[in-house]
Amino acid sequence: MPRARVEIGDGKTTEWRSKALPRYQRLTKKAEALIASVYLAGTNTRRVKRALYGLFQGAVGKDVVSRAWRKVKVDWDAWVARDLAGEDIVRLILDGTVIKTRLDRKATNISVLAAIGVRRDGQKVLLSIKNKGGESKAAWGIFLGDLDARGLMRPEFVIIDGAPGLEAALVALWGEALPIQRCTVHKHRNLLGHAPKHMHDKLSEDYRDMIYADTTVEIEKRRKAFLRKWHLKCRAVSDSLEEAGDRLFTFTRLDPSQWKSARTTNAIERLNEEFRRRIKTQTVLPCAETVPMLLWALMASGQIQMRKIDGWETLAQPIAPISLDLAA
């Protein structure tokens, strides 16, 4: 800011100082955040300067953009290393996804692993999001090990996408007794992949009737009927359902008010969909690390918000023992 002097009385003057901008700073924090978000979304420093020239009267140069970007990078580094011991997490939602984007002008698939925690008051919070190069047991083991090393306590209930590497990594870290729920939406997609297209509508109808039944007894009854019917109509479908075992029905051990939020990893799916929508018009992202950084930045800036889970009022109730008779 240019220096100026103001009269303070008795003919004396003093240097004027802006309350909006600290000394030697030319941009507000909001302006810096705007510049950083434009860069983070896949626009290089030259394009940022051209895009924001009119708004800042040509004040946005390469150094300004780089400085704003470094500030975001510092905040990101602090976030990924933060202590999680103080987070009262009772439920964990884990999922991996592949983001299609462009790096160095080439189409690239970036595998991103994400963890959302549910606090005891029902509020969802993003715990971690990282690019680990895949969804193998080793990749998930490193991802979960980082959460554990930063103080995250063993959750009471975990929802996963069904990837075998993730399930194995969870058991290795927290034991077989950990209540794990396989995402019912992912399993539905798997079942459809095993059936001829002309059977999809009837398969979906039978599956939804089973998964969305009102009581545990009714779910058990419809599960047995599903297996008998599809064992005859399409053996691959019944085999796929049996492969999931009791972990497809772990949600029935919770209070029924929680079933809707406990059946799927939709919280992360919606996050991924919003991210894809945001980068759909972008051309090239700076680097692979930018993918999780951008998703985090959308959350940190409040552009994406998460609400409390359905049935959070009953989270304090203990998880019931396995009640389904899985013998068809």
Protein backbone atom coordinates (compact mmCIF):
# COMPACT_ATOMS: atom_id res chain seq x y z
CA MET A 1 0.00 0.00 0.00
CA PRO A 2 1.30 3.53 -0.70
CA ARG A 3 2.36 5.52 2.34
CA ALA A 4 0.14 8.36 3.50
CA ARG A 5 0.02 10.62 6.52
CA VAL A 6 -2.99 11.84 8.49
CA GLU A 7 -3.40 14.69 10.96
CA ILE A 8 -3.97 13.58 14.54
CA GLY A 9 -4.43 17.00 16.13
CA ASP A 10 -2.17 19.82 17.40
CA GLY A 11 -0.82 20.08 13.87
CA LYS A 12 0.94 16.72 14.13
CA THR A 13 0.75 13.93 11.57
CA THR A 14 1.37 10.21 11.64
CA GLU A 15 1.68 7.50 9.07
CA TRP A 16 -1.67 6.05 8.02
CA ARG A 17 -1.96 2.29 8.42
CA SER A 18 -4.68 0.15 6.93
CA LYS A 19 -6.64 -2.09 9.24
CA ALA A 20 -7.58 -4.33 6.31
CA LEU A 21 -4.00 -4.95 5.16
CA PRO A 22 -0.92 -5.52 7.35
CA ARG A 23 2.20 -3.51 6.56
CA TYR A 24 3.95 -4.46 3.30
CA GLN A 25 0.96 -6.55 2.19
CA ARG A 26 -0.81 -5.52 -1.01
CA LEU A 27 -3.65 -8.06 -1.06
CA THR A 28 -6.25 -9.12 1.49
CA LYS A 29 -6.41 -12.75 2.62
CA LYS A 30 -9.58 -13.20 0.58
CA ALA A 31 -7.78 -11.93 -2.53
CA GLU A 32 -4.87 -14.30 -1.87
CA ALA A 33 -7.31 -17.18 -1.43
CA LEU A 34 -8.98 -16.29 -4.75
CA ILE A 35 -5.65 -16.29 -6.56
CA ALA A 36 -4.59 -19.57 -4.99
CA SER A 37 -7.90 -21.28 -5.77
CA VAL A 38 -7.70 -20.27 -9.44
CA TYR A 39 -4.16 -21.67 -9.65
CA LEU A 40 -5.10 -24.77 -7.69
CA ALA A 41 -7.94 -25.46 -10.10
CA GLY A 42 -5.49 -25.93 -12.94
CA THR A 43 -4.62 -22.48 -14.25
CA ASN A 44 -0.95 -21.58 -14.57
CA THR A 45 0.55 -18.31 -13.31
CA ARG A 46 0.32 -16.53 -16.68
CA ARG A 47 -3.33 -17.41 -17.09
CA VAL A 48 -4.06 -16.32 -13.51
CA LYS A 49 -2.49 -12.93 -14.27
CA ARG A 50 -4.57 -12.48 -17.43
CA ALA A 51 -7.80 -13.72 -15.81
CA LEU A 52 -7.55 -11.42 -12.79
CA TYR A 53 -5.96 -8.42 -14.53
CA GLY A 54 -9.14 -6.36 -14.53
CA LEU A 55 -10.05 -7.18 -10.95
CA PHE A 56 -6.67 -6.22 -9.52
CA GLN A 57 -5.70 -3.58 -12.07
CA GLY A 58 -2.73 -5.58 -13.29
CA ALA A 59 -1.35 -6.16 -9.78
CA VAL A 60 -1.28 -9.95 -10.05
CA GLY A 61 2.14 -11.02 -11.21
CA LYS A 62 3.97 -14.33 -11.17
CA ASP A 63 5.49 -13.65 -7.75
CA VAL A 64 2.11 -12.82 -6.23
CA VAL A 65 0.59 -16.04 -7.56
CA SER A 66 3.54 -18.11 -6.39
CA ARG A 67 3.39 -16.55 -2.93
CA ALA A 68 -0.34 -17.24 -2.60
CA TRP A 69 0.20 -20.81 -3.79
CA ARG A 70 2.97 -21.39 -1.23
CA LYS A 71 0.60 -20.24 1.51
CA VAL A 72 -1.98 -22.83 0.44
CA LYS A 73 0.76 -25.47 0.31
CA VAL A 74 1.82 -24.62 3.87
CA ASP A 75 -1.78 -24.94 5.07
CA TRP A 76 -2.15 -28.25 3.23
CA ASP A 77 1.05 -29.66 4.74
CA ALA A 78 -0.15 -28.67 8.22
CA TRP A 79 -3.54 -30.29 7.62
CA VAL A 80 -2.17 -33.65 6.44
CA ALA A 81 0.15 -33.83 9.49
CA ARG A 82 -2.32 -32.61 12.13
CA ASP A 83 -2.93 -34.56 15.33
CA LEU A 84 -6.14 -36.63 15.32
CA ALA A 85 -6.09 -37.70 18.97
CA GLY A 86 -8.61 -35.02 19.86
CA GLU A 87 -11.15 -36.16 17.26
CA ASP A 88 -13.92 -38.19 18.92
CA ILE A 89 -14.52 -40.41 15.90
CA VAL A 90 -17.00 -43.27 16.32
CA ARG A 91 -17.50 -44.19 12.67
CA LEU A 92 -15.12 -44.28 9.71
CA ILE A 93 -16.06 -44.16 6.03
CA LEU A 94 -13.33 -45.30 3.62
CA ASP A 95 -13.38 -45.35 -0.16
CA GLY A 96 -11.03 -45.11 -3.10
CA THR A 97 -11.76 -43.52 -6.42
CA VAL A 98 -10.05 -42.85 -9.73
CA ILE A 99 -10.03 -39.25 -10.93
CA LYS A 100 -9.54 -38.72 -14.66
CA THR A 101 -7.62 -35.54 -15.32
CA ARG A 102 -4.77 -34.15 -17.42
CA LEU A 103 -1.16 -33.81 -16.29
CA ASP A 104 1.47 -32.50 -18.68
CA ARG A 105 -1.25 -32.40 -21.37
CA LYS A 106 -1.80 -36.16 -21.11
CA ALA A 107 -4.96 -37.90 -19.88
CA THR A 108 -4.12 -39.52 -16.56
CA ASN A 109 -5.98 -41.58 -13.95
CA ILE A 110 -5.17 -40.54 -10.39
CA SER A 111 -6.13 -43.01 -7.64
CA VAL A 112 -7.27 -41.16 -4.51
CA LEU A 113 -7.95 -42.71 -1.10
CA ALA A 114 -10.25 -40.84 1.27
CA ALA A 115 -11.38 -41.13 4.89
CA ILE A 116 -14.38 -39.38 6.42
CA GLY A 117 -14.93 -39.64 10.16
CA VAL A 118 -18.21 -39.32 12.02
CA ARG A 119 -17.95 -37.62 15.38
CA ARG A 120 -20.05 -38.70 18.35
CA ASP A 121 -22.40 -35.77 17.68
CA GLY A 122 -23.03 -37.09 14.15
CA GLN A 123 -20.99 -34.48 12.29
CA LYS A 124 -18.97 -35.77 9.34
CA VAL A 125 -15.40 -34.50 8.95
CA LEU A 126 -12.75 -35.16 6.31
CA LEU A 127 -9.81 -36.88 8.02
CA SER A 128 -7.47 -37.65 5.15
CA ILE A 129 -7.25 -37.73 1.38
CA LYS A 130 -4.17 -38.94 -0.45
CA ASN A 131 -2.86 -40.26 -3.72
CA LYS A 132 -1.25 -43.64 -3.00
CA GLY A 133 -1.05 -44.98 -6.53
CA GLY A 134 -3.75 -47.61 -6.13
CA GLU A 135 -6.07 -49.50 -3.77
CA SER A 136 -3.87 -52.46 -2.87
CA LYS A 137 -3.55 -53.80 0.67
CA ALA A 138 -0.15 -52.12 0.88
CA ALA A 139 -1.53 -48.73 -0.22
CA TRP A 140 -4.43 -48.89 2.23
CA GLY A 141 -2.08 -50.14 4.94
CA ILE A 142 0.09 -47.03 4.57
CA PHE A 143 -3.00 -44.80 4.47
CA LEU A 144 -4.54 -46.33 7.61
CA GLY A 145 -1.17 -46.47 9.34
CA ASP A 146 -0.84 -42.72 8.93
CA LEU A 147 -4.24 -42.17 10.58
CA ASP A 148 -3.24 -44.46 13.43
CA ALA A 149 0.16 -42.77 13.86
CA ARG A 150 -1.55 -39.37 14.13
CA GLY A 151 -3.65 -40.57 17.03
CA LEU A 152 -6.92 -41.75 15.49
CA MET A 153 -8.53 -44.23 17.86
CA ARG A 154 -10.08 -47.51 16.69
CA PRO A 155 -13.56 -46.63 15.43
CA GLU A 156 -16.68 -48.45 16.56
CA PHE A 157 -17.97 -49.02 13.01
CA VAL A 158 -16.38 -48.82 9.54
CA ILE A 159 -18.01 -48.53 6.12
CA ILE A 160 -15.93 -49.54 3.08
CA ASP A 161 -16.36 -49.80 -0.68
CA GLY A 162 -15.64 -53.52 -0.69
CA ALA A 163 -12.09 -53.48 -2.07
CA PRO A 164 -10.33 -56.64 -0.74
CA GLY A 165 -7.11 -54.72 -0.11
CA LEU A 166 -8.90 -52.26 2.17
CA GLU A 167 -10.71 -54.97 4.11
CA ALA A 168 -7.47 -56.88 4.66
CA ALA A 169 -5.63 -53.72 5.79
CA LEU A 170 -8.39 -52.90 8.29
CA VAL A 171 -8.30 -56.38 9.81
CA ALA A 172 -4.50 -56.24 10.02
CA LEU A 173 -4.62 -52.95 11.92
CA TRP A 174 -7.71 -53.26 14.15
CA GLY A 175 -8.54 -56.99 14.18
CA GLU A 176 -11.31 -59.30 12.97
CA ALA A 177 -13.77 -58.09 15.63
CA LEU A 178 -14.02 -54.62 14.03
CA PRO A 179 -17.60 -54.15 12.71
CA ILE A 180 -17.16 -53.61 8.94
CA GLN A 181 -19.99 -52.72 6.55
CA ARG A 182 -19.59 -53.41 2.83
CA CYS A 183 -21.19 -50.65 0.76
CA THR A 184 -24.53 -51.92 -0.57
CA VAL A 185 -24.38 -49.60 -3.59
CA HIS A 186 -21.00 -50.99 -4.69
CA LYS A 187 -22.29 -54.55 -4.28
CA HIS A 188 -25.37 -53.71 -6.37
CA ARG A 189 -23.08 -52.60 -9.19
CA ASN A 190 -21.08 -55.83 -8.84
CA LEU A 191 -24.23 -57.95 -9.08
CA LEU A 192 -25.36 -56.14 -12.23
CA GLY A 193 -21.96 -56.82 -13.74
CA HIS A 194 -22.55 -60.57 -13.33
CA ALA A 195 -26.04 -60.64 -14.91
CA PRO A 196 -27.21 -60.30 -18.52
CA LYS A 197 -28.65 -56.88 -19.26
CA HIS A 198 -32.20 -58.15 -19.73
CA MET A 199 -32.17 -59.32 -16.09
CA HIS A 200 -30.99 -56.01 -14.60
CA ASP A 201 -34.40 -54.55 -13.75
CA LYS A 202 -35.63 -57.65 -11.92
CA LEU A 203 -32.27 -58.11 -10.19
CA SER A 204 -32.33 -54.51 -8.95
CA GLU A 205 -35.90 -54.91 -7.71
CA ASP A 206 -35.08 -58.07 -5.73
CA TYR A 207 -31.88 -56.58 -4.33
CA ARG A 208 -33.54 -53.37 -3.15
CA ASP A 209 -36.42 -55.31 -1.61
CA MET A 210 -33.84 -57.22 0.44
CA ILE A 211 -31.51 -54.36 1.43
CA TYR A 212 -34.26 -51.84 2.21
CA ALA A 213 -36.57 -54.15 4.15
CA ASP A 214 -37.86 -52.64 7.38
CA THR A 215 -36.64 -55.22 9.90
CA THR A 216 -33.72 -57.57 10.42
CA VAL A 217 -36.05 -60.57 10.27
CA GLU A 218 -37.47 -59.43 6.93
CA ILE A 219 -33.97 -58.77 5.52
CA GLU A 220 -32.91 -62.30 6.49
CA LYS A 221 -36.01 -63.81 4.92
CA ARG A 222 -35.57 -61.91 1.65
CA ARG A 223 -31.84 -62.67 1.52
CA LYS A 224 -32.51 -66.40 1.59
CA ALA A 225 -35.17 -66.01 -1.09
CA PHE A 226 -32.78 -63.94 -3.24
CA LEU A 227 -30.07 -66.59 -3.06
CA ARG A 228 -32.45 -69.45 -3.92
CA LYS A 229 -33.96 -67.59 -6.87
CA TRP A 230 -30.74 -66.25 -8.39
CA HIS A 231 -28.84 -69.48 -7.85
CA LEU A 232 -31.19 -70.88 -10.48
CA LYS A 233 -31.53 -67.81 -12.73
CA CYS A 234 -27.85 -66.68 -12.73
CA ARG A 235 -25.38 -68.53 -10.52
CA ALA A 236 -22.76 -65.78 -10.76
CA VAL A 237 -25.14 -63.31 -9.07
CA SER A 238 -25.83 -65.53 -6.06
CA ASP A 239 -22.12 -66.36 -5.75
CA SER A 240 -21.28 -62.65 -5.72
CA LEU A 241 -23.81 -61.95 -2.97
CA GLU A 242 -22.49 -64.85 -0.89
CA GLU A 243 -18.95 -63.52 -1.36
CA ALA A 244 -19.88 -60.38 0.59
CA GLY A 245 -21.07 -62.52 3.51
CA ASP A 246 -22.36 -60.97 6.72
CA ARG A 247 -20.41 -57.74 6.12
CA LEU A 248 -23.05 -56.64 3.63
CA PHE A 249 -25.57 -56.67 6.49
CA THR A 250 -23.52 -55.28 9.39
CA PHE A 251 -25.75 -52.19 9.38
CA THR A 252 -28.55 -54.32 10.92
CA ARG A 253 -26.56 -54.38 14.18
CA LEU A 254 -27.23 -50.65 14.57
CA ASP A 255 -30.38 -48.84 15.59
CA PRO A 256 -32.75 -48.72 12.55
CA SER A 257 -32.57 -44.92 12.56
CA GLN A 258 -28.93 -45.25 11.43
CA TRP A 259 -29.43 -47.79 8.67
CA LYS A 260 -29.71 -45.23 5.87
CA SER A 261 -26.35 -43.61 6.68
CA ALA A 262 -24.59 -46.89 7.57
CA ARG A 263 -25.32 -48.90 4.42
CA THR A 264 -23.13 -47.02 1.92
CA THR A 265 -20.03 -44.92 1.33
CA ASN A 266 -22.20 -42.30 -0.39
CA ALA A 267 -20.68 -39.49 1.71
CA ILE A 268 -17.39 -39.95 -0.14
CA GLU A 269 -19.11 -40.69 -3.45
CA ARG A 270 -20.87 -37.30 -3.30
CA LEU A 271 -17.56 -35.63 -2.49
CA ASN A 272 -15.97 -37.22 -5.54
CA GLU A 273 -18.88 -36.24 -7.78
CA GLU A 274 -18.63 -32.62 -6.67
CA PHE A 275 -14.88 -32.67 -7.32
CA ARG A 276 -15.35 -34.07 -10.83
CA ARG A 277 -17.92 -31.39 -11.56
CA ARG A 278 -15.50 -28.68 -10.46
CA ILE A 279 -12.59 -29.87 -12.62
CA LYS A 280 -14.67 -30.85 -15.67
CA THR A 281 -13.78 -27.67 -17.54
CA GLN A 282 -10.12 -27.57 -16.44
CA THR A 283 -7.42 -28.40 -18.95
CA VAL A 284 -4.24 -29.31 -17.05
CA LEU A 285 -3.59 -29.68 -13.33
CA PRO A 286 -0.11 -28.71 -12.06
CA CYS A 287 0.78 -32.13 -10.56
CA ALA A 288 -0.72 -35.35 -9.18
CA GLU A 289 -0.65 -33.99 -5.63
CA THR A 290 -2.96 -31.18 -6.73
CA VAL A 291 -5.90 -33.63 -6.98
CA PRO A 292 -6.24 -34.31 -3.22
CA MET A 293 -5.17 -30.73 -2.46
CA LEU A 294 -7.97 -29.29 -4.57
CA LEU A 295 -10.55 -31.55 -2.94
CA TRP A 296 -9.30 -30.50 0.50
CA ALA A 297 -9.31 -26.83 -0.53
CA LEU A 298 -12.96 -27.07 -1.61
CA MET A 299 -13.77 -28.42 1.85
CA ALA A 300 -11.57 -25.97 3.76
CA SER A 301 -13.01 -22.97 1.90
CA GLY A 302 -16.56 -24.03 2.68
CA GLN A 303 -17.49 -24.57 -0.98
CA ILE A 304 -18.34 -28.18 -0.08
CA GLN A 305 -19.99 -28.81 3.28
CA MET A 306 -20.97 -32.01 5.07
CA ARG A 307 -23.96 -32.38 7.36
CA LYS A 308 -24.66 -34.71 10.26
CA ILE A 309 -25.57 -38.31 9.50
CA ASP A 310 -29.13 -39.57 9.71
CA GLY A 311 -29.85 -41.17 13.07
CA TRP A 312 -26.98 -39.46 14.89
CA GLU A 313 -29.14 -39.16 18.01
CA THR A 314 -28.74 -42.92 18.62
CA LEU A 315 -24.97 -43.15 18.04
CA ALA A 316 -24.42 -43.69 21.77
CA GLN A 317 -26.29 -46.99 21.68
CA PRO A 318 -24.01 -50.06 21.71
CA ILE A 319 -23.63 -52.13 18.54
CA ALA A 320 -25.61 -55.36 18.77
CA PRO A 321 -24.02 -58.78 18.18
CA ILE A 322 -24.43 -60.43 14.77
CA SER A 323 -28.07 -61.43 14.48
CA LEU A 324 -28.54 -62.54 10.87
CA ASP A 325 -28.63 -66.24 10.11
CA LEU A 326 -26.54 -66.24 6.96
CA ALA A 327 -27.18 -69.86 6.09
CA ALA A 328 -29.45 -69.80 3.05
